[in-house]
Amino acid sequence: MSADVLTPDRIILGGTARTRDEAINEGGRLLVAAGAVDESYVAAMHAREASVSTFMGNHLAIPHGTNEAKDAIHSSAMTLVRYDEPIDWDGNPVRVVATIAGKDGGHMAVLQALALAFSDEESVQRVLDAQTPDDVLAVLGDVNV
């Protein structure tokens, strides 16, 4: 099994969710399917969102579980789902939802690359315009180190 945190099969360029909760579920299903987390981690992402918004600005939200859900994580993984129409995220427009499960800090490089890319409007636009998952990975740089 590859140690890559973000892989092309976990990047969806046409997400189907229309609400914040559906988007968390959509990304959560990808984490579960990857074998990175137990099903219970998805509920922990909703619990985190209920206490503090994971909206980051520039069309990005980064849902992740609560500290209590650490035992539900098998390996660090991230998913990225892009939406054609903005999702209302507590009053903010979100088009990219990156769900994250971090084990022993293994997700920090990806998180830093994501934060860097989404702090630059040109990079954000490249993610919004990406035609393939590899295009998204190219914007984020070498996140799987």
C-alpha atoms as a PDB file:
ATOM      1  CA  MET A   1       0.000   0.000   0.000  1.00  0.00           C
ATOM      2  CA  SER A   2       1.293   3.430  -0.939  1.00  0.00           C
ATOM      3  CA  ALA A   3       2.058   5.966   1.758  1.00  0.00           C
ATOM      4  CA  ASP A   4       0.767   8.797  -0.412  1.00  0.00           C
ATOM      5  CA  VAL A   5      -1.714  10.938   1.501  1.00  0.00           C
ATOM      6  CA  LEU A   6      -3.442  12.381  -1.572  1.00  0.00           C
ATOM      7  CA  THR A   7      -3.771  10.192  -4.674  1.00  0.00           C
ATOM      8  CA  PRO A   8      -5.584  10.825  -7.975  1.00  0.00           C
ATOM      9  CA  ASP A   9      -8.361   8.371  -7.071  1.00  0.00           C
ATOM     10  CA  ARG A  10      -9.185  10.531  -4.034  1.00  0.00           C
ATOM     11  CA  ILE A  11      -9.623  13.673  -6.129  1.00  0.00           C
ATOM     12  CA  ILE A  12     -13.151  14.144  -7.475  1.00  0.00           C
ATOM     13  CA  LEU A  13     -13.657  17.058  -9.858  1.00  0.00           C
ATOM     14  CA  GLY A  14     -17.437  16.825 -10.057  1.00  0.00           C
ATOM     15  CA  GLY A  15     -18.778  16.426  -6.543  1.00  0.00           C
ATOM     16  CA  THR A  16     -22.516  15.782  -6.186  1.00  0.00           C
ATOM     17  CA  ALA A  17     -23.193  17.181  -2.697  1.00  0.00           C
ATOM     18  CA  ARG A  18     -25.324  20.307  -2.439  1.00  0.00           C
ATOM     19  CA  THR A  19     -25.019  21.017   1.309  1.00  0.00           C
ATOM     20  CA  ARG A  20     -22.186  21.240   3.808  1.00  0.00           C
ATOM     21  CA  ASP A  21     -23.243  18.009   5.533  1.00  0.00           C
ATOM     22  CA  GLU A  22     -23.534  16.138   2.230  1.00  0.00           C
ATOM     23  CA  ALA A  23     -20.053  17.379   1.267  1.00  0.00           C
ATOM     24  CA  ILE A  24     -18.590  16.084   4.543  1.00  0.00           C
ATOM     25  CA  ASN A  25     -20.269  12.730   3.885  1.00  0.00           C
ATOM     26  CA  GLU A  26     -19.005  12.659   0.296  1.00  0.00           C
ATOM     27  CA  GLY A  27     -15.388  13.235   1.337  1.00  0.00           C
ATOM     28  CA  GLY A  28     -15.796  10.941   4.324  1.00  0.00           C
ATOM     29  CA  ARG A  29     -16.943   8.073   2.106  1.00  0.00           C
ATOM     30  CA  LEU A  30     -13.731   8.458   0.094  1.00  0.00           C
ATOM     31  CA  LEU A  31     -11.621   8.255   3.273  1.00  0.00           C
ATOM     32  CA  VAL A  32     -13.509   5.119   4.369  1.00  0.00           C
ATOM     33  CA  ALA A  33     -13.195   3.576   0.890  1.00  0.00           C
ATOM     34  CA  ALA A  34      -9.440   4.237   0.969  1.00  0.00           C
ATOM     35  CA  GLY A  35      -9.226   2.209   4.173  1.00  0.00           C
ATOM     36  CA  ALA A  36      -7.814   5.236   5.994  1.00  0.00           C
ATOM     37  CA  VAL A  37     -10.572   5.584   8.595  1.00  0.00           C
ATOM     38  CA  ASP A  38     -13.446   3.752  10.249  1.00  0.00           C
ATOM     39  CA  GLU A  39     -16.989   4.827   9.430  1.00  0.00           C
ATOM     40  CA  SER A  40     -17.155   6.510  12.866  1.00  0.00           C
ATOM     41  CA  TYR A  41     -14.628   9.125  11.694  1.00  0.00           C
ATOM     42  CA  VAL A  42     -17.265  10.670   9.406  1.00  0.00           C
ATOM     43  CA  ALA A  43     -19.491  11.346  12.429  1.00  0.00           C
ATOM     44  CA  ALA A  44     -16.471  12.885  14.170  1.00  0.00           C
ATOM     45  CA  MET A  45     -16.028  15.268  11.221  1.00  0.00           C
ATOM     46  CA  HIS A  46     -19.650  16.385  11.654  1.00  0.00           C
ATOM     47  CA  ALA A  47     -19.052  16.821  15.408  1.00  0.00           C
ATOM     48  CA  ARG A  48     -15.997  19.012  14.716  1.00  0.00           C
ATOM     49  CA  GLU A  49     -17.959  21.087  12.205  1.00  0.00           C
ATOM     50  CA  ALA A  50     -20.747  21.608  14.754  1.00  0.00           C
ATOM     51  CA  SER A  51     -18.262  23.160  17.192  1.00  0.00           C
ATOM     52  CA  VAL A  52     -16.042  25.114  14.791  1.00  0.00           C
ATOM     53  CA  SER A  53     -16.318  25.819  11.073  1.00  0.00           C
ATOM     54  CA  THR A  54     -13.582  24.346   8.904  1.00  0.00           C
ATOM     55  CA  PHE A  55     -14.067  27.035   6.238  1.00  0.00           C
ATOM     56  CA  MET A  56     -10.613  28.376   5.376  1.00  0.00           C
ATOM     57  CA  GLY A  57     -11.386  31.099   2.838  1.00  0.00           C
ATOM     58  CA  ASN A  58     -10.852  31.241  -0.938  1.00  0.00           C
ATOM     59  CA  HIS A  59     -13.529  28.580  -1.628  1.00  0.00           C
ATOM     60  CA  LEU A  60     -11.833  25.988   0.621  1.00  0.00           C
ATOM     61  CA  ALA A  61     -13.091  23.964   3.575  1.00  0.00           C
ATOM     62  CA  ILE A  62     -11.018  21.309   5.339  1.00  0.00           C
ATOM     63  CA  PRO A  63     -13.276  19.011   7.391  1.00  0.00           C
ATOM     64  CA  HIS A  64     -11.483  16.731   9.830  1.00  0.00           C
ATOM     65  CA  GLY A  65     -12.396  14.712  12.882  1.00  0.00           C
ATOM     66  CA  THR A  66     -12.234  15.551  16.552  1.00  0.00           C
ATOM     67  CA  ASN A  67      -9.243  14.634  18.706  1.00  0.00           C
ATOM     68  CA  GLU A  68     -11.397  11.923  20.280  1.00  0.00           C
ATOM     69  CA  ALA A  69     -11.615  10.222  16.862  1.00  0.00           C
ATOM     70  CA  LYS A  70      -7.866   9.566  16.579  1.00  0.00           C
ATOM     71  CA  ASP A  71      -8.380   5.842  17.183  1.00  0.00           C
ATOM     72  CA  ALA A  72     -10.642   5.662  14.104  1.00  0.00           C
ATOM     73  CA  ILE A  73      -7.723   6.655  11.838  1.00  0.00           C
ATOM     74  CA  HIS A  74      -5.694   3.817  10.301  1.00  0.00           C
ATOM     75  CA  SER A  75      -3.445   5.924   8.064  1.00  0.00           C
ATOM     76  CA  SER A  76      -3.056   9.547   7.010  1.00  0.00           C
ATOM     77  CA  ALA A  77      -5.175  10.378   3.996  1.00  0.00           C
ATOM     78  CA  MET A  78      -6.800  13.299   2.285  1.00  0.00           C
ATOM     79  CA  THR A  79      -9.556  13.630  -0.266  1.00  0.00           C
ATOM     80  CA  LEU A  80     -10.312  16.608  -2.437  1.00  0.00           C
ATOM     81  CA  VAL A  81     -13.758  17.137  -3.963  1.00  0.00           C
ATOM     82  CA  ARG A  82     -14.466  20.091  -6.226  1.00  0.00           C
ATOM     83  CA  TYR A  83     -17.966  21.403  -6.868  1.00  0.00           C
ATOM     84  CA  ASP A  84     -19.198  23.232  -9.962  1.00  0.00           C
ATOM     85  CA  GLU A  85     -21.639  25.282  -7.884  1.00  0.00           C
ATOM     86  CA  PRO A  86     -20.577  26.790  -4.545  1.00  0.00           C
ATOM     87  CA  ILE A  87     -21.827  25.064  -1.407  1.00  0.00           C
ATOM     88  CA  ASP A  88     -23.099  27.272   1.403  1.00  0.00           C
ATOM     89  CA  TRP A  89     -20.656  26.632   4.242  1.00  0.00           C
ATOM     90  CA  ASP A  90     -22.043  28.615   7.153  1.00  0.00           C
ATOM     91  CA  GLY A  91     -22.676  31.552   4.834  1.00  0.00           C
ATOM     92  CA  ASN A  92     -19.422  31.175   2.884  1.00  0.00           C
ATOM     93  CA  PRO A  93     -19.128  29.887  -0.701  1.00  0.00           C
ATOM     94  CA  VAL A  94     -17.078  26.684  -0.903  1.00  0.00           C
ATOM     95  CA  ARG A  95     -16.098  24.913  -4.112  1.00  0.00           C
ATOM     96  CA  VAL A  96     -13.288  22.699  -2.800  1.00  0.00           C
ATOM     97  CA  VAL A  97     -13.694  20.381   0.179  1.00  0.00           C
ATOM     98  CA  ALA A  98     -10.609  18.562   1.410  1.00  0.00           C
ATOM     99  CA  THR A  99     -11.372  15.989   4.086  1.00  0.00           C
ATOM    100  CA  ILE A 100      -8.344  15.025   6.121  1.00  0.00           C
ATOM    101  CA  ALA A 101      -7.422  12.191   8.452  1.00  0.00           C
ATOM    102  CA  GLY A 102      -4.028  12.595  10.067  1.00  0.00           C
ATOM    103  CA  LYS A 103      -2.088   9.819  11.775  1.00  0.00           C
ATOM    104  CA  ASP A 104       1.058  10.807  13.679  1.00  0.00           C
ATOM    105  CA  GLY A 105       1.394  14.086  11.771  1.00  0.00           C
ATOM    106  CA  GLY A 106       1.638  12.323   8.418  1.00  0.00           C
ATOM    107  CA  HIS A 107      -0.792  14.758   6.844  1.00  0.00           C
ATOM    108  CA  MET A 108       1.053  17.962   7.703  1.00  0.00           C
ATOM    109  CA  ALA A 109       2.944  18.314   4.400  1.00  0.00           C
ATOM    110  CA  VAL A 110      -0.310  18.031   2.439  1.00  0.00           C
ATOM    111  CA  LEU A 111      -2.044  20.488   4.748  1.00  0.00           C
ATOM    112  CA  GLN A 112       0.789  22.995   4.292  1.00  0.00           C
ATOM    113  CA  ALA A 113       0.740  22.591   0.494  1.00  0.00           C
ATOM    114  CA  LEU A 114      -3.028  23.056   0.481  1.00  0.00           C
ATOM    115  CA  ALA A 115      -2.834  26.174   2.661  1.00  0.00           C
ATOM    116  CA  LEU A 116      -0.091  27.605   0.454  1.00  0.00           C
ATOM    117  CA  ALA A 117      -1.980  26.913  -2.778  1.00  0.00           C
ATOM    118  CA  PHE A 118      -5.209  28.403  -1.438  1.00  0.00           C
ATOM    119  CA  SER A 119      -3.467  31.541  -0.175  1.00  0.00           C
ATOM    120  CA  ASP A 120      -2.672  32.404  -3.807  1.00  0.00           C
ATOM    121  CA  GLU A 121      -5.616  33.385  -6.018  1.00  0.00           C
ATOM    122  CA  GLU A 122      -3.904  32.162  -9.187  1.00  0.00           C
ATOM    123  CA  SER A 123      -3.366  28.721  -7.648  1.00  0.00           C
ATOM    124  CA  VAL A 124      -6.975  28.624  -6.442  1.00  0.00           C
ATOM    125  CA  GLN A 125      -8.134  29.365  -9.986  1.00  0.00           C
ATOM    126  CA  ARG A 126      -5.908  26.587 -11.346  1.00  0.00           C
ATOM    127  CA  VAL A 127      -7.563  24.110  -8.960  1.00  0.00           C
ATOM    128  CA  LEU A 128     -11.022  25.386  -9.968  1.00  0.00           C
ATOM    129  CA  ASP A 129     -10.085  25.057 -13.670  1.00  0.00           C
ATOM    130  CA  ALA A 130      -8.281  21.689 -13.370  1.00  0.00           C
ATOM    131  CA  GLN A 131      -9.368  19.115 -15.944  1.00  0.00           C
ATOM    132  CA  THR A 132      -7.838  16.053 -14.262  1.00  0.00           C
ATOM    133  CA  PRO A 133      -6.803  14.947 -10.761  1.00  0.00           C
ATOM    134  CA  ASP A 134      -3.185  15.178 -11.921  1.00  0.00           C
ATOM    135  CA  ASP A 135      -3.765  18.863 -12.728  1.00  0.00           C
ATOM    136  CA  VAL A 136      -4.791  19.376  -9.087  1.00  0.00           C
ATOM    137  CA  LEU A 137      -1.740  17.513  -7.815  1.00  0.00           C
ATOM    138  CA  ALA A 138       0.452  19.687 -10.054  1.00  0.00           C
ATOM    139  CA  VAL A 139      -0.907  22.825  -8.344  1.00  0.00           C
ATOM    140  CA  LEU A 140      -0.294  21.401  -4.890  1.00  0.00           C
ATOM    141  CA  GLY A 141       3.258  20.398  -5.724  1.00  0.00           C
ATOM    142  CA  ASP A 142       4.888  17.319  -4.300  1.00  0.00           C
ATOM    143  CA  VAL A 143       2.604  16.803  -1.321  1.00  0.00           C
ATOM    144  CA  ASN A 144       3.302  13.105  -0.915  1.00  0.00           C
ATOM    145  CA  VAL A 145       6.732  13.225   0.663  1.00  0.00           C
END
